[in-house]
Amino acid sequence: MRSEANVSPTPPDDSSQRPRTGANRPAAQIAWLQGAGPQREIVHRLENQFEERGIPIRVTTVGLNESDVFPYYDLLILEYLRCNRRELARIIAHIRRACAAPIIVLARCAVAELTVVALRAGADTVIPINTTDEVIVARCRALLRRWHATSH
């Protein structure tokens, strides 16, 4: 699936309009939330990894005022490149109020204090940005598996 920066996703009217995968289940919808600025190489690499595994991903900027679209996703990946714990907690709490889907924080500085703040604020996992693409995709798939088992 192609990347779309600064674009609000148009949610489907119902799940019957979403692509189907095995067992007649809608394909996972993943939102990549990133701050303003050019897309980084990691976004494109991970998009390719997801695409090779048949998992569509849509890249969009983190417009916190657009939280009404978050519930249409099965997984949200928040790319967080700062080390401001208070700001991160505020962002995650805002996302969590908008939807119950799993949240992965992909962080530049995944130190213990930042990880604890993120988890307490509602993130499901924090992954250092230098983690291999295969590990990131595997964690996403694990969270999606649990999310689909409990929500669909």
N, C-alpha and C. Protein backbone atom coordinates (compact mmCIF):
# COMPACT_ATOMS: atom_id res chain seq x y z
N MET A 1 0.84 -1.17 0.00
CA MET A 1 0.00 0.00 0.00
C MET A 1 0.89 1.24 0.00
N ARG A 2 0.52 2.25 -0.71
CA ARG A 2 1.37 3.42 -0.82
C ARG A 2 1.25 4.31 0.39
N SER A 3 2.31 5.07 0.65
CA SER A 3 2.34 5.99 1.78
C SER A 3 1.53 7.22 1.45
N GLU A 4 0.92 7.77 2.47
CA GLU A 4 0.18 9.01 2.30
C GLU A 4 0.52 9.89 3.48
N ALA A 5 1.25 10.97 3.25
CA ALA A 5 1.58 11.90 4.31
C ALA A 5 0.58 13.04 4.31
N ASN A 6 0.28 13.54 5.47
CA ASN A 6 -0.64 14.67 5.64
C ASN A 6 -2.01 14.40 5.03
N VAL A 7 -2.46 13.17 5.08
CA VAL A 7 -3.76 12.82 4.53
C VAL A 7 -4.57 12.14 5.62
N SER A 8 -5.79 12.59 5.78
CA SER A 8 -6.68 11.92 6.72
C SER A 8 -7.28 10.72 6.03
N PRO A 9 -7.22 9.55 6.65
CA PRO A 9 -7.81 8.38 6.00
C PRO A 9 -9.33 8.52 5.94
N THR A 10 -9.88 8.01 4.88
CA THR A 10 -11.32 7.95 4.77
C THR A 10 -11.75 6.58 5.22
N PRO A 11 -12.40 6.49 6.39
CA PRO A 11 -12.76 5.18 6.90
C PRO A 11 -13.82 4.51 6.05
N PRO A 12 -13.77 3.20 5.95
CA PRO A 12 -14.81 2.49 5.21
C PRO A 12 -16.13 2.59 5.96
N ASP A 13 -17.23 2.51 5.23
CA ASP A 13 -18.54 2.56 5.87
C ASP A 13 -18.77 1.35 6.76
N ASP A 14 -18.29 0.20 6.32
CA ASP A 14 -18.38 -1.00 7.14
C ASP A 14 -17.25 -1.94 6.75
N SER A 15 -17.06 -2.98 7.55
CA SER A 15 -15.93 -3.88 7.33
C SER A 15 -16.05 -4.68 6.05
N SER A 16 -17.22 -4.74 5.44
CA SER A 16 -17.35 -5.49 4.20
C SER A 16 -16.61 -4.80 3.06
N GLN A 17 -16.27 -3.53 3.21
CA GLN A 17 -15.55 -2.81 2.18
C GLN A 17 -14.04 -2.95 2.33
N ARG A 18 -13.57 -3.54 3.43
CA ARG A 18 -12.15 -3.68 3.65
C ARG A 18 -11.64 -4.93 2.94
N PRO A 19 -10.37 -4.93 2.52
CA PRO A 19 -9.81 -6.11 1.87
C PRO A 19 -9.89 -7.32 2.80
N ARG A 20 -10.02 -8.47 2.22
CA ARG A 20 -10.14 -9.70 3.01
C ARG A 20 -8.83 -10.49 2.98
N THR A 21 -8.58 -11.19 4.08
CA THR A 21 -7.45 -12.11 4.15
C THR A 21 -7.99 -13.47 4.50
N GLY A 22 -7.10 -14.39 4.90
CA GLY A 22 -7.51 -15.75 5.25
C GLY A 22 -8.65 -15.76 6.25
N ALA A 23 -9.43 -16.81 6.24
CA ALA A 23 -10.58 -17.01 7.12
C ALA A 23 -11.62 -15.90 6.95
N ASN A 24 -11.64 -15.29 5.75
CA ASN A 24 -12.62 -14.27 5.43
C ASN A 24 -12.61 -13.10 6.41
N ARG A 25 -11.45 -12.79 6.97
CA ARG A 25 -11.30 -11.69 7.91
C ARG A 25 -10.78 -10.46 7.18
N PRO A 26 -11.28 -9.26 7.54
CA PRO A 26 -10.75 -8.05 6.91
C PRO A 26 -9.24 -7.93 7.17
N ALA A 27 -8.53 -7.39 6.20
CA ALA A 27 -7.10 -7.18 6.35
C ALA A 27 -6.85 -6.16 7.45
N ALA A 28 -5.74 -6.30 8.14
CA ALA A 28 -5.39 -5.38 9.21
C ALA A 28 -5.11 -3.99 8.64
N GLN A 29 -5.57 -3.00 9.33
CA GLN A 29 -5.33 -1.61 8.95
C GLN A 29 -4.40 -1.01 10.00
N ILE A 30 -3.25 -0.55 9.57
CA ILE A 30 -2.25 -0.01 10.48
C ILE A 30 -2.02 1.45 10.16
N ALA A 31 -2.08 2.30 11.17
CA ALA A 31 -1.78 3.72 11.00
C ALA A 31 -0.39 3.99 11.56
N TRP A 32 0.42 4.66 10.79
CA TRP A 32 1.75 5.08 11.23
C TRP A 32 1.63 6.55 11.57
N LEU A 33 1.75 6.88 12.82
CA LEU A 33 1.60 8.26 13.27
C LEU A 33 2.98 8.85 13.46
N GLN A 34 3.23 9.91 12.74
CA GLN A 34 4.55 10.53 12.84
C GLN A 34 4.39 12.03 12.89
N GLY A 35 5.40 12.69 13.43
CA GLY A 35 5.37 14.13 13.48
C GLY A 35 5.52 14.71 12.09
N ALA A 36 5.32 16.00 12.00
CA ALA A 36 5.45 16.67 10.71
C ALA A 36 6.87 16.55 10.20
N GLY A 37 7.01 16.58 8.91
CA GLY A 37 8.33 16.48 8.30
C GLY A 37 8.35 15.38 7.27
N PRO A 38 9.46 15.25 6.58
CA PRO A 38 9.53 14.24 5.52
C PRO A 38 9.51 12.82 6.11
N GLN A 39 8.95 11.90 5.35
CA GLN A 39 8.95 10.52 5.78
C GLN A 39 10.37 10.00 5.78
N ARG A 40 10.66 9.21 6.76
CA ARG A 40 12.01 8.69 6.88
C ARG A 40 12.12 7.33 6.22
N GLU A 41 13.33 6.93 5.99
CA GLU A 41 13.59 5.65 5.31
C GLU A 41 12.96 4.48 6.04
N ILE A 42 12.93 4.52 7.36
CA ILE A 42 12.37 3.40 8.12
C ILE A 42 10.91 3.15 7.76
N VAL A 43 10.17 4.21 7.49
CA VAL A 43 8.77 4.06 7.11
C VAL A 43 8.67 3.22 5.85
N HIS A 44 9.48 3.55 4.87
CA HIS A 44 9.43 2.83 3.60
C HIS A 44 9.91 1.39 3.75
N ARG A 45 10.94 1.18 4.54
CA ARG A 45 11.43 -0.19 4.77
C ARG A 45 10.36 -1.04 5.43
N LEU A 46 9.73 -0.50 6.46
CA LEU A 46 8.70 -1.27 7.15
C LEU A 46 7.47 -1.47 6.29
N GLU A 47 7.13 -0.49 5.49
CA GLU A 47 6.02 -0.67 4.55
C GLU A 47 6.28 -1.87 3.66
N ASN A 48 7.50 -1.98 3.16
CA ASN A 48 7.85 -3.12 2.31
C ASN A 48 7.75 -4.43 3.08
N GLN A 49 8.21 -4.44 4.32
CA GLN A 49 8.14 -5.65 5.15
C GLN A 49 6.67 -6.06 5.36
N PHE A 50 5.83 -5.09 5.67
CA PHE A 50 4.41 -5.39 5.87
C PHE A 50 3.78 -5.87 4.57
N GLU A 51 4.08 -5.20 3.48
CA GLU A 51 3.50 -5.57 2.20
C GLU A 51 3.90 -6.98 1.80
N GLU A 52 5.17 -7.35 2.02
CA GLU A 52 5.63 -8.71 1.71
C GLU A 52 4.86 -9.75 2.49
N ARG A 53 4.35 -9.38 3.65
CA ARG A 53 3.61 -10.31 4.49
C ARG A 53 2.09 -10.14 4.34
N GLY A 54 1.68 -9.32 3.38
CA GLY A 54 0.25 -9.15 3.12
C GLY A 54 -0.49 -8.30 4.14
N ILE A 55 0.22 -7.41 4.83
CA ILE A 55 -0.42 -6.55 5.83
C ILE A 55 -0.40 -5.12 5.30
N PRO A 56 -1.57 -4.56 4.96
CA PRO A 56 -1.58 -3.19 4.46
C PRO A 56 -1.27 -2.20 5.57
N ILE A 57 -0.58 -1.14 5.24
CA ILE A 57 -0.25 -0.09 6.20
C ILE A 57 -0.47 1.25 5.52
N ARG A 58 -1.06 2.16 6.23
CA ARG A 58 -1.29 3.51 5.71
C ARG A 58 -0.52 4.48 6.60
N VAL A 59 0.29 5.30 5.98
CA VAL A 59 1.11 6.25 6.71
C VAL A 59 0.41 7.60 6.72
N THR A 60 0.28 8.16 7.89
CA THR A 60 -0.36 9.47 8.02
C THR A 60 0.35 10.25 9.12
N THR A 61 0.31 11.55 9.05
CA THR A 61 0.94 12.35 10.10
C THR A 61 0.07 12.33 11.34
N VAL A 62 0.70 12.55 12.49
CA VAL A 62 0.00 12.48 13.76
C VAL A 62 -0.79 13.76 14.00
N GLY A 63 -1.95 13.83 13.43
CA GLY A 63 -2.83 14.95 13.68
C GLY A 63 -3.71 14.60 14.86
N LEU A 64 -3.33 15.04 16.03
CA LEU A 64 -4.09 14.68 17.22
C LEU A 64 -5.52 15.19 17.16
N ASN A 65 -5.77 16.22 16.37
CA ASN A 65 -7.13 16.70 16.20
C ASN A 65 -7.93 15.83 15.24
N GLU A 66 -7.29 14.82 14.65
CA GLU A 66 -7.97 13.90 13.74
C GLU A 66 -8.20 12.55 14.40
N SER A 67 -8.29 12.53 15.72
CA SER A 67 -8.40 11.27 16.44
C SER A 67 -9.70 10.53 16.14
N ASP A 68 -10.65 11.18 15.49
CA ASP A 68 -11.90 10.50 15.16
C ASP A 68 -11.69 9.35 14.17
N VAL A 69 -10.57 9.33 13.47
CA VAL A 69 -10.31 8.23 12.52
C VAL A 69 -9.54 7.08 13.16
N PHE A 70 -8.95 7.28 14.33
CA PHE A 70 -8.16 6.22 14.96
C PHE A 70 -8.93 4.92 15.19
N PRO A 71 -10.20 4.97 15.57
CA PRO A 71 -10.92 3.71 15.81
C PRO A 71 -11.05 2.81 14.57
N TYR A 72 -10.80 3.35 13.38
CA TYR A 72 -10.92 2.54 12.17
C TYR A 72 -9.68 1.69 11.92
N TYR A 73 -8.67 1.84 12.76
CA TYR A 73 -7.43 1.08 12.59
C TYR A 73 -7.35 -0.05 13.61
N ASP A 74 -6.64 -1.10 13.23
CA ASP A 74 -6.43 -2.25 14.10
C ASP A 74 -5.17 -2.09 14.94
N LEU A 75 -4.27 -1.23 14.50
CA LEU A 75 -3.00 -1.03 15.20
C LEU A 75 -2.49 0.36 14.86
N LEU A 76 -1.94 1.04 15.86
CA LEU A 76 -1.34 2.36 15.64
C LEU A 76 0.12 2.30 16.04
N ILE A 77 0.99 2.73 15.14
CA ILE A 77 2.42 2.82 15.43
C ILE A 77 2.75 4.30 15.55
N LEU A 78 3.19 4.69 16.73
CA LEU A 78 3.55 6.07 16.99
C LEU A 78 5.07 6.19 16.93
N GLU A 79 5.55 6.88 15.92
CA GLU A 79 6.99 7.14 15.81
C GLU A 79 7.29 8.36 16.67
N TYR A 80 8.06 8.15 17.73
CA TYR A 80 8.35 9.23 18.67
C TYR A 80 9.85 9.40 18.78
N LEU A 81 10.35 10.52 18.27
CA LEU A 81 11.80 10.71 18.18
C LEU A 81 12.35 11.64 19.26
N ARG A 82 11.50 12.16 20.11
CA ARG A 82 11.97 13.00 21.20
C ARG A 82 12.15 12.16 22.45
N CYS A 83 12.58 12.79 23.50
CA CYS A 83 12.74 12.08 24.78
C CYS A 83 11.98 12.81 25.88
N ASN A 84 10.87 13.45 25.54
CA ASN A 84 10.08 14.21 26.49
C ASN A 84 8.97 13.31 27.03
N ARG A 85 9.15 12.84 28.25
CA ARG A 85 8.20 11.88 28.84
C ARG A 85 6.80 12.47 28.99
N ARG A 86 6.72 13.72 29.43
CA ARG A 86 5.41 14.34 29.64
C ARG A 86 4.64 14.47 28.33
N GLU A 87 5.33 14.90 27.28
CA GLU A 87 4.69 15.04 25.96
C GLU A 87 4.23 13.67 25.45
N LEU A 88 5.08 12.67 25.59
CA LEU A 88 4.73 11.32 25.13
C LEU A 88 3.50 10.81 25.86
N ALA A 89 3.46 10.98 27.16
CA ALA A 89 2.30 10.53 27.95
C ALA A 89 1.02 11.23 27.49
N ARG A 90 1.11 12.52 27.20
CA ARG A 90 -0.05 13.28 26.75
C ARG A 90 -0.55 12.77 25.39
N ILE A 91 0.39 12.51 24.47
CA ILE A 91 0.02 12.02 23.14
C ILE A 91 -0.63 10.65 23.23
N ILE A 92 -0.02 9.75 23.99
CA ILE A 92 -0.58 8.39 24.11
C ILE A 92 -1.95 8.42 24.78
N ALA A 93 -2.09 9.21 25.82
CA ALA A 93 -3.39 9.30 26.51
C ALA A 93 -4.46 9.82 25.56
N HIS A 94 -4.11 10.76 24.71
CA HIS A 94 -5.06 11.30 23.73
C HIS A 94 -5.47 10.21 22.74
N ILE A 95 -4.49 9.46 22.24
CA ILE A 95 -4.79 8.37 21.30
C ILE A 95 -5.65 7.32 21.98
N ARG A 96 -5.28 6.97 23.21
CA ARG A 96 -6.00 5.92 23.93
C ARG A 96 -7.45 6.32 24.21
N ARG A 97 -7.72 7.58 24.47
CA ARG A 97 -9.10 8.03 24.67
C ARG A 97 -9.92 7.86 23.40
N ALA A 98 -9.26 7.93 22.25
CA ALA A 98 -9.96 7.85 20.97
C ALA A 98 -10.22 6.42 20.51
N CYS A 99 -9.37 5.48 20.93
CA CYS A 99 -9.56 4.10 20.46
C CYS A 99 -8.90 3.10 21.40
N ALA A 100 -9.33 1.86 21.28
CA ALA A 100 -8.81 0.80 22.13
C ALA A 100 -7.78 -0.07 21.41
N ALA A 101 -7.52 0.19 20.14
CA ALA A 101 -6.57 -0.62 19.37
C ALA A 101 -5.17 -0.55 19.98
N PRO A 102 -4.38 -1.59 19.77
CA PRO A 102 -3.01 -1.58 20.31
C PRO A 102 -2.20 -0.40 19.78
N ILE A 103 -1.34 0.11 20.65
CA ILE A 103 -0.44 1.22 20.29
C ILE A 103 0.99 0.75 20.50
N ILE A 104 1.79 0.86 19.45
CA ILE A 104 3.22 0.60 19.54
C ILE A 104 3.93 1.93 19.46
N VAL A 105 4.84 2.17 20.40
CA VAL A 105 5.66 3.37 20.34
C VAL A 105 7.02 2.95 19.80
N LEU A 106 7.38 3.53 18.69
CA LEU A 106 8.69 3.30 18.09
C LEU A 106 9.54 4.51 18.48
N ALA A 107 10.44 4.32 19.44
CA ALA A 107 11.12 5.45 20.07
C ALA A 107 12.62 5.46 19.81
N ARG A 108 13.14 6.68 19.65
CA ARG A 108 14.58 6.84 19.50
C ARG A 108 15.29 6.53 20.81
N CYS A 109 14.72 7.00 21.91
CA CYS A 109 15.35 6.75 23.20
C CYS A 109 14.40 5.93 24.05
N ALA A 110 14.47 4.63 23.90
CA ALA A 110 13.59 3.72 24.63
C ALA A 110 14.24 3.34 25.96
N VAL A 111 14.58 4.35 26.75
CA VAL A 111 15.16 4.11 28.06
C VAL A 111 14.04 3.67 29.00
N ALA A 112 14.41 3.09 30.11
CA ALA A 112 13.43 2.52 31.03
C ALA A 112 12.37 3.54 31.46
N GLU A 113 12.78 4.75 31.79
CA GLU A 113 11.82 5.75 32.27
C GLU A 113 10.79 6.10 31.20
N LEU A 114 11.23 6.27 29.96
CA LEU A 114 10.32 6.58 28.87
C LEU A 114 9.38 5.41 28.60
N THR A 115 9.91 4.20 28.67
CA THR A 115 9.10 3.00 28.45
C THR A 115 8.01 2.89 29.50
N VAL A 116 8.35 3.10 30.75
CA VAL A 116 7.37 3.02 31.83
C VAL A 116 6.28 4.08 31.65
N VAL A 117 6.67 5.30 31.32
CA VAL A 117 5.70 6.37 31.09
C VAL A 117 4.75 5.99 29.95
N ALA A 118 5.31 5.48 28.86
CA ALA A 118 4.49 5.11 27.70
C ALA A 118 3.51 3.99 28.05
N LEU A 119 3.98 2.98 28.74
CA LEU A 119 3.11 1.86 29.10
C LEU A 119 2.01 2.30 30.07
N ARG A 120 2.35 3.12 31.04
CA ARG A 120 1.35 3.62 31.99
C ARG A 120 0.32 4.51 31.30
N ALA A 121 0.74 5.22 30.26
CA ALA A 121 -0.18 6.12 29.54
C ALA A 121 -1.12 5.36 28.61
N GLY A 122 -0.80 4.08 28.32
CA GLY A 122 -1.70 3.30 27.48
C GLY A 122 -1.08 2.61 26.30
N ALA A 123 0.22 2.77 26.09
CA ALA A 123 0.88 2.06 24.99
C ALA A 123 0.95 0.57 25.33
N ASP A 124 0.98 -0.25 24.31
CA ASP A 124 1.06 -1.69 24.52
C ASP A 124 2.49 -2.20 24.52
N THR A 125 3.36 -1.50 23.81
CA THR A 125 4.78 -1.86 23.81
C THR A 125 5.58 -0.67 23.31
N VAL A 126 6.84 -0.63 23.70
CA VAL A 126 7.78 0.39 23.22
C VAL A 126 8.94 -0.35 22.58
N ILE A 127 9.25 0.04 21.35
CA ILE A 127 10.31 -0.62 20.60
C ILE A 127 11.35 0.42 20.22
N PRO A 128 12.62 0.16 20.51
CA PRO A 128 13.66 1.10 20.05
C PRO A 128 13.67 1.17 18.53
N ILE A 129 13.88 2.35 18.00
CA ILE A 129 13.80 2.56 16.55
C ILE A 129 14.89 1.79 15.80
N ASN A 130 15.96 1.42 16.49
CA ASN A 130 17.04 0.67 15.82
C ASN A 130 16.82 -0.84 15.87
N THR A 131 15.65 -1.29 16.30
CA THR A 131 15.31 -2.71 16.29
C THR A 131 15.17 -3.17 14.85
N THR A 132 15.50 -4.41 14.57
CA THR A 132 15.41 -4.91 13.19
C THR A 132 13.96 -4.88 12.69
N ASP A 133 13.82 -4.67 11.41
CA ASP A 133 12.50 -4.62 10.79
C ASP A 133 11.70 -5.89 11.06
N GLU A 134 12.37 -7.04 11.02
CA GLU A 134 11.69 -8.32 11.24
C GLU A 134 11.08 -8.39 12.63
N VAL A 135 11.78 -7.88 13.63
CA VAL A 135 11.27 -7.90 15.01
C VAL A 135 10.07 -6.96 15.14
N ILE A 136 10.16 -5.79 14.53
CA ILE A 136 9.05 -4.84 14.59
C ILE A 136 7.81 -5.44 13.95
N VAL A 137 7.96 -6.04 12.79
CA VAL A 137 6.83 -6.65 12.10
C VAL A 137 6.27 -7.82 12.91
N ALA A 138 7.15 -8.62 13.51
CA ALA A 138 6.69 -9.75 14.33
C ALA A 138 5.89 -9.27 15.54
N ARG A 139 6.33 -8.20 16.18
CA ARG A 139 5.57 -7.65 17.32
C ARG A 139 4.22 -7.11 16.86
N CYS A 140 4.21 -6.45 15.73
CA CYS A 140 2.94 -5.96 15.19
C CYS A 140 1.98 -7.11 14.94
N ARG A 141 2.48 -8.15 14.32
CA ARG A 141 1.63 -9.32 14.03
C ARG A 141 1.10 -9.95 15.30
N ALA A 142 1.94 -10.03 16.34
CA ALA A 142 1.50 -10.61 17.62
C ALA A 142 0.37 -9.77 18.23
N LEU A 143 0.54 -8.45 18.22
CA LEU A 143 -0.52 -7.59 18.75
C LEU A 143 -1.79 -7.67 17.92
N LEU A 144 -1.63 -7.74 16.60
CA LEU A 144 -2.80 -7.87 15.73
C LEU A 144 -3.53 -9.18 15.99
N ARG A 145 -2.78 -10.25 16.19
CA ARG A 145 -3.39 -11.55 16.47
C ARG A 145 -4.24 -11.48 17.73
N ARG A 146 -3.72 -10.87 18.78
CA ARG A 146 -4.48 -10.74 20.02
C ARG A 146 -5.65 -9.79 19.86
N TRP A 147 -5.45 -8.71 19.13
CA TRP A 147 -6.51 -7.72 18.92
C TRP A 147 -7.67 -8.35 18.14
N HIS A 148 -7.35 -9.09 17.09
CA HIS A 148 -8.41 -9.73 16.30
C HIS A 148 -9.14 -10.79 17.11
N ALA A 149 -8.43 -11.48 17.98
CA ALA A 149 -9.05 -12.53 18.80
C ALA A 149 -10.05 -11.94 19.80
N THR A 150 -9.79 -10.72 20.27
CA THR A 150 -10.65 -10.13 21.29
C THR A 150 -11.68 -9.16 20.75
N SER A 151 -11.46 -8.61 19.56
CA SER A 151 -12.36 -7.56 19.07
C SER A 151 -13.24 -7.97 17.92
N HIS A 152 -12.90 -9.03 17.22
CA HIS A 152 -13.69 -9.38 16.03
C HIS A 152 -14.45 -10.64 16.25
